[in-house]
Amino acid sequence: MRLNRTQWASVTAVVLALLFAGGALTVASADRDESPRTPTAESADAGFARDMAVHHQQAVEMSFIVRDRTRDEEVRRLAYDIANTQANQRGMMLGWLDMWGLPKVQSGVPPMTWMGMGGHGDETAGEDGELMPGMATRAEIEQLSKASGRAAEVLYLKLMTEHHKGGVHMAQGCVERCAPGVERDLAQGMVEAQESEIRLMADMLRQRGA
């Protein structure tokens, strides 16, 4: 049977439609294969969220302490910025853990295990437990809460500088190990913002003769 032009056009349209549908299914399948998977409790994504949430909490605590121990507007403004930023970021990371259905605390697993650094044996351990890099000891927090004026400013700037250095190290670990997405983007943003604040605090310390 010979087909006229109209019939050929109809057949061609059907063939093209089938080819297009097949291509669409292939793309959809590929998209599903590349969709983000829920992290496990042992993943870098979960480990970073848990550990950085704890790390951030101490930065917020120190910032609230110094706010009440000095009248210097520059230090108070910096402390407010750090407390506000890190409290918000902490909320995001705890929210991710909830969304993933993962615990916020993993008992029996030392901090930084996801970076291959679990079980620090440095001078910050002991009665203060296993602290992550840059975290202040209980004695240093108590010292800050008793200081006032310039002494409180200098101590806060020194403690927060070390705290930020530890935070940058951890955030860089997530940039290298976490899955691509919003968490890794947040970690990269932390690296850039905290390195900038480290430089600012170095200038503030010099202005105070420290």
N, C-alpha and C. Protein backbone atom coordinates (compact mmCIF):
# COMPACT_ATOMS: atom_id res chain seq x y z
N MET A 1 0.85 -1.19 0.00
CA MET A 1 0.00 0.00 0.00
C MET A 1 0.88 1.24 0.00
N ARG A 2 0.56 2.16 -0.93
CA ARG A 2 1.34 3.41 -1.00
C ARG A 2 0.66 4.47 -0.15
N LEU A 3 1.51 5.26 0.55
CA LEU A 3 0.99 6.32 1.44
C LEU A 3 1.07 7.66 0.74
N ASN A 4 0.02 8.45 0.88
CA ASN A 4 0.08 9.81 0.33
C ASN A 4 0.82 10.72 1.30
N ARG A 5 0.97 11.99 0.91
CA ARG A 5 1.74 12.92 1.74
C ARG A 5 1.15 13.09 3.13
N THR A 6 -0.15 13.17 3.22
CA THR A 6 -0.80 13.36 4.52
C THR A 6 -0.53 12.18 5.44
N GLN A 7 -0.61 10.98 4.86
CA GLN A 7 -0.35 9.79 5.67
C GLN A 7 1.10 9.71 6.12
N TRP A 8 2.04 10.07 5.24
CA TRP A 8 3.46 10.10 5.62
C TRP A 8 3.71 11.10 6.75
N ALA A 9 3.07 12.23 6.67
CA ALA A 9 3.25 13.25 7.71
C ALA A 9 2.75 12.73 9.05
N SER A 10 1.62 11.99 9.03
CA SER A 10 1.07 11.45 10.27
C SER A 10 2.01 10.41 10.88
N VAL A 11 2.53 9.51 10.02
CA VAL A 11 3.46 8.49 10.50
C VAL A 11 4.72 9.12 11.08
N THR A 12 5.26 10.11 10.36
CA THR A 12 6.47 10.79 10.84
C THR A 12 6.23 11.44 12.20
N ALA A 13 5.06 12.08 12.38
CA ALA A 13 4.74 12.74 13.65
C ALA A 13 4.69 11.74 14.80
N VAL A 14 4.11 10.56 14.55
CA VAL A 14 4.03 9.53 15.58
C VAL A 14 5.43 9.04 15.97
N VAL A 15 6.28 8.80 14.95
CA VAL A 15 7.65 8.33 15.22
C VAL A 15 8.41 9.35 16.04
N LEU A 16 8.32 10.62 15.67
CA LEU A 16 9.02 11.67 16.40
C LEU A 16 8.52 11.77 17.83
N ALA A 17 7.20 11.63 17.99
CA ALA A 17 6.62 11.70 19.34
C ALA A 17 7.16 10.57 20.21
N LEU A 18 7.25 9.36 19.63
CA LEU A 18 7.78 8.23 20.39
C LEU A 18 9.24 8.43 20.77
N LEU A 19 10.03 8.95 19.81
CA LEU A 19 11.44 9.23 20.10
C LEU A 19 11.59 10.27 21.19
N PHE A 20 10.76 11.32 21.14
CA PHE A 20 10.83 12.38 22.14
C PHE A 20 10.46 11.84 23.52
N ALA A 21 9.42 11.00 23.53
CA ALA A 21 8.98 10.43 24.81
C ALA A 21 10.08 9.56 25.41
N GLY A 22 10.72 8.77 24.54
CA GLY A 22 11.81 7.93 25.03
C GLY A 22 12.96 8.74 25.58
N GLY A 23 13.28 9.86 24.91
CA GLY A 23 14.35 10.72 25.39
C GLY A 23 14.00 11.37 26.71
N ALA A 24 12.74 11.76 26.84
CA ALA A 24 12.30 12.39 28.08
C ALA A 24 12.41 11.43 29.25
N LEU A 25 12.02 10.14 29.00
CA LEU A 25 12.13 9.16 30.06
C LEU A 25 13.57 8.93 30.48
N THR A 26 14.48 8.94 29.48
CA THR A 26 15.91 8.76 29.79
C THR A 26 16.43 9.90 30.64
N VAL A 27 16.06 11.15 30.29
CA VAL A 27 16.49 12.32 31.06
C VAL A 27 15.92 12.27 32.46
N ALA A 28 14.62 11.91 32.57
CA ALA A 28 13.99 11.84 33.89
C ALA A 28 14.67 10.80 34.76
N SER A 29 15.01 9.65 34.14
CA SER A 29 15.70 8.60 34.88
C SER A 29 17.06 9.07 35.36
N ALA A 30 17.77 9.80 34.48
CA ALA A 30 19.09 10.32 34.87
C ALA A 30 18.96 11.31 36.01
N ASP A 31 17.92 12.16 35.94
CA ASP A 31 17.70 13.14 37.01
C ASP A 31 17.45 12.44 38.33
N ARG A 32 16.69 11.34 38.30
CA ARG A 32 16.42 10.62 39.54
C ARG A 32 17.70 10.00 40.09
N ASP A 33 18.54 9.50 39.19
CA ASP A 33 19.78 8.88 39.63
C ASP A 33 20.70 9.90 40.27
N GLU A 34 20.63 11.17 39.83
CA GLU A 34 21.53 12.19 40.34
C GLU A 34 20.93 12.99 41.48
N SER A 35 19.71 12.66 41.91
CA SER A 35 19.08 13.41 42.99
C SER A 35 19.84 13.17 44.29
N PRO A 36 19.88 14.18 45.18
CA PRO A 36 20.64 14.04 46.41
C PRO A 36 20.08 12.94 47.30
N ARG A 37 20.95 12.16 47.90
CA ARG A 37 20.54 11.10 48.80
C ARG A 37 20.62 11.59 50.24
N THR A 38 19.80 11.03 51.11
CA THR A 38 19.82 11.40 52.52
C THR A 38 21.13 10.93 53.14
N PRO A 39 21.88 11.84 53.79
CA PRO A 39 23.15 11.45 54.41
C PRO A 39 22.95 10.43 55.52
N THR A 40 23.96 9.63 55.76
CA THR A 40 23.95 8.69 56.89
C THR A 40 24.50 9.39 58.12
N ALA A 41 24.32 8.77 59.28
CA ALA A 41 24.79 9.36 60.53
C ALA A 41 26.32 9.50 60.54
N GLU A 42 27.00 8.64 59.77
CA GLU A 42 28.47 8.67 59.77
C GLU A 42 29.05 9.55 58.66
N SER A 43 28.19 10.14 57.85
CA SER A 43 28.67 10.93 56.70
C SER A 43 29.31 12.24 57.14
N ALA A 44 30.09 12.81 56.24
CA ALA A 44 30.69 14.13 56.50
C ALA A 44 29.61 15.19 56.67
N ASP A 45 28.53 15.06 55.90
CA ASP A 45 27.45 16.04 55.97
C ASP A 45 26.85 16.08 57.37
N ALA A 46 26.54 14.92 57.92
CA ALA A 46 25.95 14.85 59.26
C ALA A 46 26.96 15.23 60.32
N GLY A 47 28.19 14.74 60.18
CA GLY A 47 29.23 15.06 61.17
C GLY A 47 29.51 16.55 61.24
N PHE A 48 29.59 17.18 60.08
CA PHE A 48 29.82 18.63 60.06
C PHE A 48 28.66 19.37 60.72
N ALA A 49 27.44 19.00 60.38
CA ALA A 49 26.27 19.68 60.96
C ALA A 49 26.25 19.54 62.47
N ARG A 50 26.53 18.35 62.98
CA ARG A 50 26.53 18.13 64.44
C ARG A 50 27.63 18.92 65.11
N ASP A 51 28.87 18.77 64.60
CA ASP A 51 30.01 19.39 65.28
C ASP A 51 30.00 20.91 65.16
N MET A 52 29.64 21.42 63.98
CA MET A 52 29.64 22.87 63.82
C MET A 52 28.52 23.52 64.62
N ALA A 53 27.41 22.81 64.83
CA ALA A 53 26.35 23.34 65.68
C ALA A 53 26.85 23.55 67.10
N VAL A 54 27.63 22.61 67.61
CA VAL A 54 28.23 22.74 68.95
C VAL A 54 29.25 23.86 68.96
N HIS A 55 30.08 23.90 67.95
CA HIS A 55 31.13 24.93 67.83
C HIS A 55 30.49 26.32 67.80
N HIS A 56 29.45 26.47 67.01
CA HIS A 56 28.76 27.76 66.90
C HIS A 56 28.13 28.17 68.22
N GLN A 57 27.60 27.19 68.96
CA GLN A 57 26.93 27.52 70.21
C GLN A 57 27.88 28.22 71.18
N GLN A 58 29.14 27.78 71.22
CA GLN A 58 30.09 28.43 72.11
C GLN A 58 30.42 29.84 71.65
N ALA A 59 30.49 30.06 70.34
CA ALA A 59 30.75 31.41 69.83
C ALA A 59 29.61 32.35 70.22
N VAL A 60 28.38 31.86 70.15
CA VAL A 60 27.22 32.67 70.55
C VAL A 60 27.31 32.98 72.04
N GLU A 61 27.67 31.98 72.84
CA GLU A 61 27.78 32.17 74.29
C GLU A 61 28.84 33.23 74.63
N MET A 62 30.02 33.13 74.04
CA MET A 62 31.08 34.10 74.33
C MET A 62 30.69 35.50 73.89
N SER A 63 29.99 35.58 72.78
CA SER A 63 29.59 36.89 72.26
C SER A 63 28.58 37.57 73.18
N PHE A 64 27.65 36.79 73.74
CA PHE A 64 26.69 37.37 74.69
C PHE A 64 27.39 37.80 75.97
N ILE A 65 28.40 37.04 76.38
CA ILE A 65 29.14 37.40 77.60
C ILE A 65 29.84 38.74 77.43
N VAL A 66 30.61 38.90 76.34
CA VAL A 66 31.38 40.13 76.17
C VAL A 66 30.49 41.33 75.94
N ARG A 67 29.32 41.11 75.37
CA ARG A 67 28.39 42.22 75.15
C ARG A 67 28.04 42.91 76.47
N ASP A 68 27.99 42.11 77.53
CA ASP A 68 27.64 42.66 78.85
C ASP A 68 28.85 43.05 79.67
N ARG A 69 30.06 42.82 79.14
CA ARG A 69 31.28 43.09 79.91
C ARG A 69 32.06 44.29 79.39
N THR A 70 31.56 44.93 78.32
CA THR A 70 32.24 46.11 77.79
C THR A 70 31.22 47.08 77.22
N ARG A 71 31.63 48.35 77.18
CA ARG A 71 30.78 49.36 76.55
C ARG A 71 31.33 49.79 75.20
N ASP A 72 32.41 49.15 74.77
CA ASP A 72 33.03 49.49 73.49
C ASP A 72 32.09 49.08 72.35
N GLU A 73 31.65 50.07 71.58
CA GLU A 73 30.65 49.80 70.54
C GLU A 73 31.18 48.92 69.42
N GLU A 74 32.47 49.05 69.10
CA GLU A 74 33.04 48.24 68.02
C GLU A 74 33.02 46.76 68.39
N VAL A 75 33.43 46.46 69.62
CA VAL A 75 33.44 45.07 70.06
C VAL A 75 32.01 44.54 70.21
N ARG A 76 31.13 45.36 70.77
CA ARG A 76 29.74 44.94 70.94
C ARG A 76 29.06 44.66 69.59
N ARG A 77 29.39 45.49 68.59
CA ARG A 77 28.82 45.30 67.25
C ARG A 77 29.33 44.00 66.62
N LEU A 78 30.63 43.75 66.77
CA LEU A 78 31.20 42.50 66.25
C LEU A 78 30.57 41.31 66.95
N ALA A 79 30.45 41.39 68.28
CA ALA A 79 29.86 40.29 69.04
C ALA A 79 28.43 40.03 68.61
N TYR A 80 27.68 41.10 68.37
CA TYR A 80 26.29 40.94 67.92
C TYR A 80 26.24 40.25 66.55
N ASP A 81 27.11 40.68 65.64
CA ASP A 81 27.13 40.09 64.30
C ASP A 81 27.46 38.60 64.35
N ILE A 82 28.46 38.25 65.17
CA ILE A 82 28.87 36.85 65.28
C ILE A 82 27.75 36.02 65.90
N ALA A 83 27.16 36.54 67.00
CA ALA A 83 26.09 35.80 67.68
C ALA A 83 24.89 35.60 66.75
N ASN A 84 24.50 36.65 66.04
CA ASN A 84 23.34 36.58 65.17
C ASN A 84 23.58 35.61 64.00
N THR A 85 24.74 35.75 63.35
CA THR A 85 25.06 34.90 62.20
C THR A 85 25.17 33.43 62.60
N GLN A 86 25.90 33.17 63.67
CA GLN A 86 26.15 31.78 64.02
C GLN A 86 24.93 31.11 64.65
N ALA A 87 24.08 31.88 65.32
CA ALA A 87 22.83 31.30 65.83
C ALA A 87 21.93 30.88 64.67
N ASN A 88 21.86 31.72 63.64
CA ASN A 88 21.06 31.38 62.46
C ASN A 88 21.61 30.15 61.73
N GLN A 89 22.93 30.12 61.55
CA GLN A 89 23.54 28.98 60.88
C GLN A 89 23.36 27.70 61.69
N ARG A 90 23.47 27.82 63.00
CA ARG A 90 23.26 26.65 63.88
C ARG A 90 21.85 26.11 63.71
N GLY A 91 20.88 27.00 63.64
CA GLY A 91 19.50 26.57 63.43
C GLY A 91 19.33 25.84 62.11
N MET A 92 20.00 26.31 61.07
CA MET A 92 19.93 25.64 59.77
C MET A 92 20.49 24.23 59.86
N MET A 93 21.65 24.08 60.51
CA MET A 93 22.29 22.76 60.56
C MET A 93 21.49 21.78 61.40
N LEU A 94 20.92 22.24 62.52
CA LEU A 94 20.08 21.36 63.32
C LEU A 94 18.81 20.99 62.56
N GLY A 95 18.32 21.94 61.76
CA GLY A 95 17.15 21.66 60.93
C GLY A 95 17.44 20.59 59.89
N TRP A 96 18.64 20.62 59.30
CA TRP A 96 19.01 19.58 58.33
C TRP A 96 19.03 18.22 58.99
N LEU A 97 19.59 18.14 60.20
CA LEU A 97 19.64 16.86 60.90
C LEU A 97 18.23 16.34 61.17
N ASP A 98 17.32 17.23 61.55
CA ASP A 98 15.92 16.83 61.73
C ASP A 98 15.32 16.32 60.42
N MET A 99 15.57 17.05 59.34
CA MET A 99 15.03 16.67 58.04
C MET A 99 15.57 15.32 57.59
N TRP A 100 16.84 15.04 57.91
CA TRP A 100 17.46 13.77 57.53
C TRP A 100 17.07 12.63 58.48
N GLY A 101 16.41 12.97 59.59
CA GLY A 101 16.05 11.95 60.57
C GLY A 101 17.25 11.42 61.33
N LEU A 102 18.26 12.27 61.54
CA LEU A 102 19.51 11.86 62.20
C LEU A 102 19.63 12.52 63.58
N PRO A 103 20.32 11.85 64.51
CA PRO A 103 20.47 12.41 65.86
C PRO A 103 21.37 13.64 65.87
N LYS A 104 21.08 14.57 66.77
CA LYS A 104 21.91 15.77 66.91
C LYS A 104 23.17 15.48 67.72
N VAL A 105 23.13 14.40 68.48
CA VAL A 105 24.30 13.96 69.25
C VAL A 105 24.52 12.49 68.96
N GLN A 106 25.76 12.13 68.66
CA GLN A 106 26.09 10.74 68.36
C GLN A 106 26.98 10.22 69.49
N SER A 107 26.38 9.53 70.42
CA SER A 107 27.12 9.06 71.59
C SER A 107 28.19 8.05 71.20
N GLY A 108 29.33 8.15 71.89
CA GLY A 108 30.42 7.23 71.65
C GLY A 108 31.29 7.56 70.46
N VAL A 109 30.97 8.64 69.76
CA VAL A 109 31.76 9.05 68.59
C VAL A 109 32.42 10.39 68.90
N PRO A 110 33.75 10.43 68.99
CA PRO A 110 34.43 11.69 69.30
C PRO A 110 34.20 12.74 68.21
N PRO A 111 34.24 14.02 68.60
CA PRO A 111 34.09 15.06 67.58
C PRO A 111 35.17 14.96 66.51
N MET A 112 34.82 15.43 65.32
CA MET A 112 35.74 15.49 64.18
C MET A 112 36.09 14.13 63.59
N THR A 113 35.39 13.08 64.02
CA THR A 113 35.65 11.75 63.46
C THR A 113 35.42 11.75 61.96
N TRP A 114 34.44 12.51 61.49
CA TRP A 114 34.12 12.57 60.05
C TRP A 114 35.27 13.18 59.26
N MET A 115 36.20 13.87 59.95
CA MET A 115 37.39 14.42 59.30
C MET A 115 38.62 13.55 59.54
N GLY A 116 38.42 12.42 60.22
CA GLY A 116 39.56 11.57 60.55
C GLY A 116 40.39 12.13 61.67
N MET A 117 39.74 12.96 62.54
CA MET A 117 40.48 13.63 63.62
C MET A 117 39.90 13.31 64.99
N GLY A 118 39.06 12.30 65.11
CA GLY A 118 38.41 12.01 66.38
C GLY A 118 39.40 11.67 67.47
N GLY A 119 39.10 12.13 68.68
CA GLY A 119 39.92 11.77 69.84
C GLY A 119 41.12 12.64 70.01
N HIS A 120 40.93 13.97 70.17
CA HIS A 120 42.06 14.87 70.40
C HIS A 120 42.67 14.57 71.77
N GLY A 121 43.96 14.62 71.81
CA GLY A 121 44.63 14.40 73.09
C GLY A 121 45.43 15.61 73.50
N ASP A 122 44.99 16.80 73.13
CA ASP A 122 45.78 18.00 73.41
C ASP A 122 45.42 18.57 74.76
N GLU A 123 45.96 19.75 75.03
CA GLU A 123 45.80 20.36 76.33
C GLU A 123 44.38 20.84 76.60
N THR A 124 43.53 20.89 75.60
CA THR A 124 42.16 21.36 75.84
C THR A 124 41.26 20.23 76.31
N ALA A 125 41.78 19.00 76.35
CA ALA A 125 40.96 17.89 76.83
C ALA A 125 41.02 17.85 78.35
N GLY A 126 40.89 16.66 78.93
CA GLY A 126 40.89 16.59 80.38
C GLY A 126 39.52 16.90 80.93
N GLU A 127 39.45 17.78 81.92
CA GLU A 127 38.17 18.05 82.57
C GLU A 127 37.18 18.72 81.64
N ASP A 128 37.65 19.31 80.56
CA ASP A 128 36.75 19.95 79.61
C ASP A 128 36.27 18.97 78.53
N GLY A 129 36.72 17.72 78.61
CA GLY A 129 36.30 16.76 77.60
C GLY A 129 37.09 16.95 76.31
N GLU A 130 36.58 16.35 75.24
CA GLU A 130 37.25 16.43 73.94
C GLU A 130 36.72 17.62 73.17
N LEU A 131 37.43 18.74 73.27
CA LEU A 131 37.00 19.95 72.60
C LEU A 131 37.50 19.97 71.16
N MET A 132 36.70 20.57 70.30
CA MET A 132 37.11 20.72 68.91
C MET A 132 38.12 21.85 68.77
N PRO A 133 38.90 21.88 67.68
CA PRO A 133 39.91 22.92 67.50
C PRO A 133 39.33 24.32 67.66
N GLY A 134 40.04 25.13 68.44
CA GLY A 134 39.65 26.53 68.61
C GLY A 134 38.69 26.78 69.74
N MET A 135 38.07 25.76 70.29
CA MET A 135 37.10 25.98 71.34
C MET A 135 37.77 26.35 72.66
N ALA A 136 37.15 27.28 73.37
CA ALA A 136 37.68 27.72 74.66
C ALA A 136 37.36 26.69 75.73
N THR A 137 38.21 26.64 76.74
CA THR A 137 37.95 25.75 77.88
C THR A 137 36.96 26.42 78.84
N ARG A 138 36.46 25.64 79.78
CA ARG A 138 35.55 26.20 80.78
C ARG A 138 36.25 27.30 81.59
N ALA A 139 37.53 27.08 81.87
CA ALA A 139 38.28 28.08 82.64
C ALA A 139 38.38 29.40 81.87
N GLU A 140 38.57 29.32 80.56
CA GLU A 140 38.66 30.54 79.76
C GLU A 140 37.31 31.24 79.67
N ILE A 141 36.24 30.48 79.57
CA ILE A 141 34.90 31.08 79.54
C ILE A 141 34.62 31.78 80.87
N GLU A 142 35.01 31.14 81.96
CA GLU A 142 34.81 31.75 83.29
C GLU A 142 35.64 33.02 83.43
N GLN A 143 36.87 32.98 82.91
CA GLN A 143 37.73 34.16 82.94
C GLN A 143 37.11 35.31 82.18
N LEU A 144 36.52 35.02 81.01
CA LEU A 144 35.87 36.05 80.21
C LEU A 144 34.67 36.63 80.95
N SER A 145 33.91 35.79 81.62
CA SER A 145 32.72 36.26 82.32
C SER A 145 33.04 37.14 83.52
N LYS A 146 34.29 37.05 84.02
CA LYS A 146 34.70 37.86 85.17
C LYS A 146 35.46 39.12 84.75
N ALA A 147 35.95 39.17 83.52
CA ALA A 147 36.71 40.33 83.05
C ALA A 147 35.75 41.46 82.69
N SER A 148 36.31 42.64 82.53
CA SER A 148 35.49 43.79 82.12
C SER A 148 36.35 44.79 81.36
N GLY A 149 35.69 45.67 80.61
CA GLY A 149 36.40 46.72 79.88
C GLY A 149 37.39 46.18 78.87
N ARG A 150 38.55 46.82 78.83
CA ARG A 150 39.56 46.45 77.84
C ARG A 150 40.02 45.01 78.01
N ALA A 151 40.15 44.55 79.26
CA ALA A 151 40.59 43.17 79.50
C ALA A 151 39.61 42.17 78.88
N ALA A 152 38.31 42.44 79.01
CA ALA A 152 37.31 41.55 78.42
C ALA A 152 37.37 41.61 76.89
N GLU A 153 37.58 42.80 76.35
CA GLU A 153 37.65 42.96 74.89
C GLU A 153 38.80 42.17 74.32
N VAL A 154 39.98 42.32 74.92
CA VAL A 154 41.18 41.64 74.42
C VAL A 154 41.02 40.12 74.53
N LEU A 155 40.52 39.66 75.67
CA LEU A 155 40.37 38.22 75.86
C LEU A 155 39.35 37.65 74.86
N TYR A 156 38.26 38.36 74.68
CA TYR A 156 37.25 37.91 73.72
C TYR A 156 37.83 37.84 72.31
N LEU A 157 38.54 38.87 71.90
CA LEU A 157 39.10 38.90 70.55
C LEU A 157 40.12 37.77 70.34
N LYS A 158 40.90 37.48 71.38
CA LYS A 158 41.87 36.39 71.27
C LYS A 158 41.17 35.04 71.21
N LEU A 159 40.21 34.83 72.10
CA LEU A 159 39.49 33.56 72.12
C LEU A 159 38.70 33.36 70.82
N MET A 160 38.07 34.42 70.34
CA MET A 160 37.26 34.29 69.13
C MET A 160 38.13 34.11 67.89
N THR A 161 39.32 34.67 67.90
CA THR A 161 40.24 34.46 66.78
C THR A 161 40.59 32.98 66.67
N GLU A 162 40.95 32.38 67.80
CA GLU A 162 41.27 30.95 67.79
C GLU A 162 40.04 30.11 67.45
N HIS A 163 38.89 30.55 67.96
CA HIS A 163 37.64 29.84 67.68
C HIS A 163 37.35 29.85 66.17
N HIS A 164 37.52 31.02 65.56
CA HIS A 164 37.30 31.13 64.11
C HIS A 164 38.29 30.28 63.32
N LYS A 165 39.54 30.23 63.76
CA LYS A 165 40.53 29.41 63.05
C LYS A 165 40.11 27.95 63.06
N GLY A 166 39.62 27.49 64.21
CA GLY A 166 39.13 26.12 64.29
C GLY A 166 37.90 25.91 63.42
N GLY A 167 37.03 26.91 63.39
CA GLY A 167 35.83 26.84 62.57
C GLY A 167 36.15 26.80 61.08
N VAL A 168 37.13 27.60 60.67
CA VAL A 168 37.55 27.61 59.27
C VAL A 168 38.10 26.24 58.88
N HIS A 169 38.90 25.66 59.77
CA HIS A 169 39.47 24.34 59.49
C HIS A 169 38.36 23.30 59.28
N MET A 170 37.34 23.35 60.15
CA MET A 170 36.24 22.40 60.04
C MET A 170 35.41 22.67 58.78
N ALA A 171 35.13 23.93 58.50
CA ALA A 171 34.34 24.26 57.31
C ALA A 171 35.07 23.84 56.03
N GLN A 172 36.38 24.01 55.99
CA GLN A 172 37.15 23.55 54.84
C GLN A 172 37.05 22.04 54.68
N GLY A 173 36.97 21.33 55.81
CA GLY A 173 36.79 19.89 55.77
C GLY A 173 35.48 19.51 55.11
N CYS A 174 34.41 20.29 55.37
CA CYS A 174 33.13 20.02 54.74
C CYS A 174 33.18 20.37 53.25
N VAL A 175 33.85 21.45 52.90
CA VAL A 175 33.97 21.81 51.49
C VAL A 175 34.63 20.68 50.71
N GLU A 176 35.57 20.00 51.34
CA GLU A 176 36.29 18.91 50.68
C GLU A 176 35.52 17.58 50.70
N ARG A 177 34.67 17.39 51.74
CA ARG A 177 34.07 16.06 51.94
C ARG A 177 32.56 16.00 51.78
N CYS A 178 31.86 17.10 52.04
CA CYS A 178 30.40 17.07 51.99
C CYS A 178 29.90 16.97 50.54
N ALA A 179 28.70 16.45 50.39
CA ALA A 179 28.11 16.33 49.06
C ALA A 179 27.79 17.72 48.51
N PRO A 180 27.86 17.91 47.20
CA PRO A 180 27.52 19.21 46.62
C PRO A 180 26.10 19.62 47.00
N GLY A 181 25.94 20.89 47.31
CA GLY A 181 24.61 21.37 47.69
C GLY A 181 24.69 22.51 48.67
N VAL A 182 23.57 22.80 49.33
CA VAL A 182 23.49 23.98 50.19
C VAL A 182 24.41 23.90 51.38
N GLU A 183 24.63 22.70 51.93
CA GLU A 183 25.49 22.59 53.10
C GLU A 183 26.94 22.92 52.75
N ARG A 184 27.41 22.38 51.63
CA ARG A 184 28.78 22.67 51.22
C ARG A 184 28.92 24.15 50.86
N ASP A 185 27.89 24.73 50.26
CA ASP A 185 27.91 26.16 49.96
C ASP A 185 27.97 26.99 51.25
N LEU A 186 27.21 26.55 52.27
CA LEU A 186 27.26 27.26 53.55
C LEU A 186 28.65 27.17 54.16
N ALA A 187 29.27 26.00 54.09
CA ALA A 187 30.61 25.83 54.63
C ALA A 187 31.61 26.74 53.93
N GLN A 188 31.51 26.85 52.62
CA GLN A 188 32.40 27.76 51.88
C GLN A 188 32.18 29.20 52.31
N GLY A 189 30.92 29.57 52.53
CA GLY A 189 30.62 30.91 53.01
C GLY A 189 31.20 31.16 54.39
N MET A 190 31.19 30.14 55.24
CA MET A 190 31.78 30.27 56.57
C MET A 190 33.28 30.54 56.49
N VAL A 191 33.94 29.81 55.61
CA VAL A 191 35.39 29.99 55.44
C VAL A 191 35.70 31.45 55.08
N GLU A 192 34.99 31.97 54.11
CA GLU A 192 35.26 33.33 53.65
C GLU A 192 34.91 34.37 54.71
N ALA A 193 33.76 34.22 55.37
CA ALA A 193 33.33 35.21 56.35
C ALA A 193 34.22 35.19 57.59
N GLN A 194 34.58 34.01 58.06
CA GLN A 194 35.37 33.93 59.29
C GLN A 194 36.82 34.33 59.04
N GLU A 195 37.35 34.06 57.87
CA GLU A 195 38.70 34.55 57.56
C GLU A 195 38.72 36.07 57.54
N SER A 196 37.66 36.68 57.03
CA SER A 196 37.54 38.14 57.02
C SER A 196 37.47 38.67 58.45
N GLU A 197 36.72 38.01 59.32
CA GLU A 197 36.60 38.46 60.71
C GLU A 197 37.90 38.24 61.48
N ILE A 198 38.66 37.21 61.13
CA ILE A 198 39.97 37.01 61.76
C ILE A 198 40.87 38.21 61.47
N ARG A 199 40.85 38.68 60.23
CA ARG A 199 41.67 39.86 59.89
C ARG A 199 41.17 41.10 60.64
N LEU A 200 39.87 41.25 60.74
CA LEU A 200 39.30 42.39 61.47
C LEU A 200 39.71 42.34 62.94
N MET A 201 39.64 41.17 63.56
CA MET A 201 39.99 41.05 64.98
C MET A 201 41.47 41.28 65.21
N ALA A 202 42.31 40.92 64.24
CA ALA A 202 43.75 41.21 64.37
C ALA A 202 43.98 42.71 64.41
N ASP A 203 43.26 43.46 63.59
CA ASP A 203 43.36 44.93 63.62
C ASP A 203 42.85 45.48 64.95
N MET A 204 41.77 44.95 65.44
CA MET A 204 41.20 45.41 66.72
C MET A 204 42.14 45.13 67.88
N LEU A 205 42.81 44.00 67.84
CA LEU A 205 43.79 43.68 68.89
C LEU A 205 44.97 44.65 68.83
N ARG A 206 45.44 44.96 67.63
CA ARG A 206 46.55 45.91 67.50
C ARG A 206 46.15 47.28 68.03
N GLN A 207 44.93 47.69 67.77
CA GLN A 207 44.45 48.99 68.27
C GLN A 207 44.43 49.03 69.80
N ARG A 208 44.32 47.87 70.41
CA ARG A 208 44.27 47.79 71.87
C ARG A 208 45.61 47.38 72.47
N GLY A 209 46.65 47.45 71.64
CA GLY A 209 48.00 47.16 72.11
C GLY A 209 48.22 45.71 72.47
N ALA A 210 47.43 44.82 71.84
CA ALA A 210 47.55 43.40 72.18
C ALA A 210 47.94 42.62 70.94
